[in-house]
Amino acid sequence: MSFIEFKKLLLDAEISLPKFSKLIKVSDKNLQSYKKKDEVPNAIAVVARCFAEMNEKGMDYRLLIDSLELKAKVKKGAGFARKHKEENAAVE
């Protein structure tokens, strides 16, 4: 699916890209990167299509997704652990 088609589905679902990213716990930056590639991954395309269809049928998909209690992924890899430790030290 192209990024334009994806954005149209979000309009049909009556949700903005930033709100969509918060709802599904995927970074807005990650979703914006699909614009450059002009291709949206299948899983994201399916979610957007389902949201649009549910909205059309009067179903509140937001409550359903909130009930899943999704968690945002934490970045892992070289450099991220050190940065996380430094942030924790600054808080203490």
C-alpha atoms as a PDB file:
ATOM      1  CA  MET A   1       0.000   0.000   0.000  1.00  0.00           C
ATOM      2  CA  SER A   2       1.263   3.468  -0.833  1.00  0.00           C
ATOM      3  CA  PHE A   3       1.657   6.132   1.825  1.00  0.00           C
ATOM      4  CA  ILE A   4      -1.065   8.226   0.120  1.00  0.00           C
ATOM      5  CA  GLU A   5      -3.539   5.318   0.333  1.00  0.00           C
ATOM      6  CA  PHE A   6      -2.578   4.855   3.975  1.00  0.00           C
ATOM      7  CA  LYS A   7      -3.240   8.540   4.745  1.00  0.00           C
ATOM      8  CA  LYS A   8      -6.641   8.289   3.018  1.00  0.00           C
ATOM      9  CA  LEU A   9      -7.544   5.352   5.244  1.00  0.00           C
ATOM     10  CA  LEU A  10      -6.581   7.386   8.304  1.00  0.00           C
ATOM     11  CA  LEU A  11      -8.909  10.135   7.082  1.00  0.00           C
ATOM     12  CA  ASP A  12     -11.685   7.545   6.690  1.00  0.00           C
ATOM     13  CA  ALA A  13     -10.934   6.369  10.229  1.00  0.00           C
ATOM     14  CA  GLU A  14     -11.063   9.999  11.410  1.00  0.00           C
ATOM     15  CA  ILE A  15      -7.650   9.837  13.048  1.00  0.00           C
ATOM     16  CA  SER A  16      -4.476  11.841  12.461  1.00  0.00           C
ATOM     17  CA  LEU A  17      -1.090  10.241  11.935  1.00  0.00           C
ATOM     18  CA  PRO A  18       0.232  11.389  15.358  1.00  0.00           C
ATOM     19  CA  LYS A  19      -2.874  10.053  17.123  1.00  0.00           C
ATOM     20  CA  PHE A  20      -2.655   6.802  15.153  1.00  0.00           C
ATOM     21  CA  SER A  21       0.980   6.383  16.202  1.00  0.00           C
ATOM     22  CA  LYS A  22       0.113   6.962  19.872  1.00  0.00           C
ATOM     23  CA  LEU A  23      -2.829   4.568  19.699  1.00  0.00           C
ATOM     24  CA  ILE A  24      -0.833   1.672  18.253  1.00  0.00           C
ATOM     25  CA  LYS A  25       2.346   2.572  20.212  1.00  0.00           C
ATOM     26  CA  VAL A  26       4.584   3.048  17.175  1.00  0.00           C
ATOM     27  CA  SER A  27       6.728   6.155  16.926  1.00  0.00           C
ATOM     28  CA  ASP A  28       5.451   8.928  14.689  1.00  0.00           C
ATOM     29  CA  LYS A  29       8.963   9.162  13.226  1.00  0.00           C
ATOM     30  CA  ASN A  30       8.793   5.492  12.239  1.00  0.00           C
ATOM     31  CA  LEU A  31       5.456   6.000  10.466  1.00  0.00           C
ATOM     32  CA  GLN A  32       6.731   9.143   8.732  1.00  0.00           C
ATOM     33  CA  SER A  33       9.651   7.129   7.322  1.00  0.00           C
ATOM     34  CA  TYR A  34       7.166   5.184   5.181  1.00  0.00           C
ATOM     35  CA  LYS A  35       6.463   8.412   3.310  1.00  0.00           C
ATOM     36  CA  LYS A  36      10.005   8.389   1.877  1.00  0.00           C
ATOM     37  CA  LYS A  37       9.690   4.749   0.856  1.00  0.00           C
ATOM     38  CA  ASP A  38       6.108   5.363  -0.377  1.00  0.00           C
ATOM     39  CA  GLU A  39       5.216   1.934   0.946  1.00  0.00           C
ATOM     40  CA  VAL A  40       3.505   1.012   4.192  1.00  0.00           C
ATOM     41  CA  PRO A  41       4.173  -2.403   5.767  1.00  0.00           C
ATOM     42  CA  ASN A  42       1.345  -4.905   5.454  1.00  0.00           C
ATOM     43  CA  ALA A  43       0.585  -5.007   9.184  1.00  0.00           C
ATOM     44  CA  ILE A  44       0.212  -1.208   9.406  1.00  0.00           C
ATOM     45  CA  ALA A  45      -1.912  -1.184   6.232  1.00  0.00           C
ATOM     46  CA  VAL A  46      -4.222  -3.849   7.676  1.00  0.00           C
ATOM     47  CA  VAL A  47      -4.639  -1.916  10.926  1.00  0.00           C
ATOM     48  CA  ALA A  48      -5.471   1.317   9.068  1.00  0.00           C
ATOM     49  CA  ARG A  49      -7.976  -0.496   6.836  1.00  0.00           C
ATOM     50  CA  CYS A  50      -9.665  -2.135   9.834  1.00  0.00           C
ATOM     51  CA  PHE A  51      -9.881   1.197  11.659  1.00  0.00           C
ATOM     52  CA  ALA A  52     -11.483   2.817   8.592  1.00  0.00           C
ATOM     53  CA  GLU A  53     -14.022  -0.014   8.224  1.00  0.00           C
ATOM     54  CA  MET A  54     -14.836  -0.038  11.938  1.00  0.00           C
ATOM     55  CA  ASN A  55     -15.318   3.734  11.948  1.00  0.00           C
ATOM     56  CA  GLU A  56     -17.624   3.465   8.925  1.00  0.00           C
ATOM     57  CA  LYS A  57     -19.754   0.932  10.810  1.00  0.00           C
ATOM     58  CA  GLY A  58     -19.901   3.135  13.902  1.00  0.00           C
ATOM     59  CA  MET A  59     -17.564   1.026  16.033  1.00  0.00           C
ATOM     60  CA  ASP A  60     -15.210   2.826  18.416  1.00  0.00           C
ATOM     61  CA  TYR A  61     -11.917   1.132  17.610  1.00  0.00           C
ATOM     62  CA  ARG A  62     -10.048   3.451  20.007  1.00  0.00           C
ATOM     63  CA  LEU A  63     -11.614   1.850  23.092  1.00  0.00           C
ATOM     64  CA  LEU A  64     -10.914  -1.606  21.709  1.00  0.00           C
ATOM     65  CA  ILE A  65      -7.238  -0.833  21.069  1.00  0.00           C
ATOM     66  CA  ASP A  66      -6.841   0.932  24.443  1.00  0.00           C
ATOM     67  CA  SER A  67      -8.149  -2.206  26.149  1.00  0.00           C
ATOM     68  CA  LEU A  68      -5.183  -4.152  24.731  1.00  0.00           C
ATOM     69  CA  GLU A  69      -2.826  -2.091  26.919  1.00  0.00           C
ATOM     70  CA  LEU A  70      -0.138  -2.053  24.226  1.00  0.00           C
ATOM     71  CA  LYS A  71       3.398  -1.123  25.243  1.00  0.00           C
ATOM     72  CA  ALA A  72       5.795   0.910  23.148  1.00  0.00           C
ATOM     73  CA  LYS A  73       8.991  -0.909  22.242  1.00  0.00           C
ATOM     74  CA  VAL A  74      12.164   0.242  23.942  1.00  0.00           C
ATOM     75  CA  LYS A  75      15.161   0.854  21.701  1.00  0.00           C
ATOM     76  CA  LYS A  76      17.937  -1.670  22.175  1.00  0.00           C
ATOM     77  CA  GLY A  77      21.429  -1.885  20.833  1.00  0.00           C
ATOM     78  CA  ALA A  78      24.800  -0.225  21.149  1.00  0.00           C
ATOM     79  CA  GLY A  79      24.549   3.209  22.663  1.00  0.00           C
ATOM     80  CA  PHE A  80      20.919   3.020  23.738  1.00  0.00           C
ATOM     81  CA  ALA A  81      21.626   1.272  27.058  1.00  0.00           C
ATOM     82  CA  ARG A  82      24.260   3.846  27.948  1.00  0.00           C
ATOM     83  CA  LYS A  83      21.953   6.739  27.119  1.00  0.00           C
ATOM     84  CA  HIS A  84      19.180   5.150  29.191  1.00  0.00           C
ATOM     85  CA  LYS A  85      21.551   4.768  32.171  1.00  0.00           C
ATOM     86  CA  GLU A  86      22.632   8.400  31.852  1.00  0.00           C
ATOM     87  CA  GLU A  87      18.990   9.543  31.826  1.00  0.00           C
ATOM     88  CA  ASN A  88      18.249   7.478  34.928  1.00  0.00           C
ATOM     89  CA  ALA A  89      21.319   8.894  36.707  1.00  0.00           C
ATOM     90  CA  ALA A  90      20.193  12.438  35.885  1.00  0.00           C
ATOM     91  CA  VAL A  91      16.773  11.754  37.419  1.00  0.00           C
ATOM     92  CA  GLU A  92      18.237  10.406  40.670  1.00  0.00           C
END
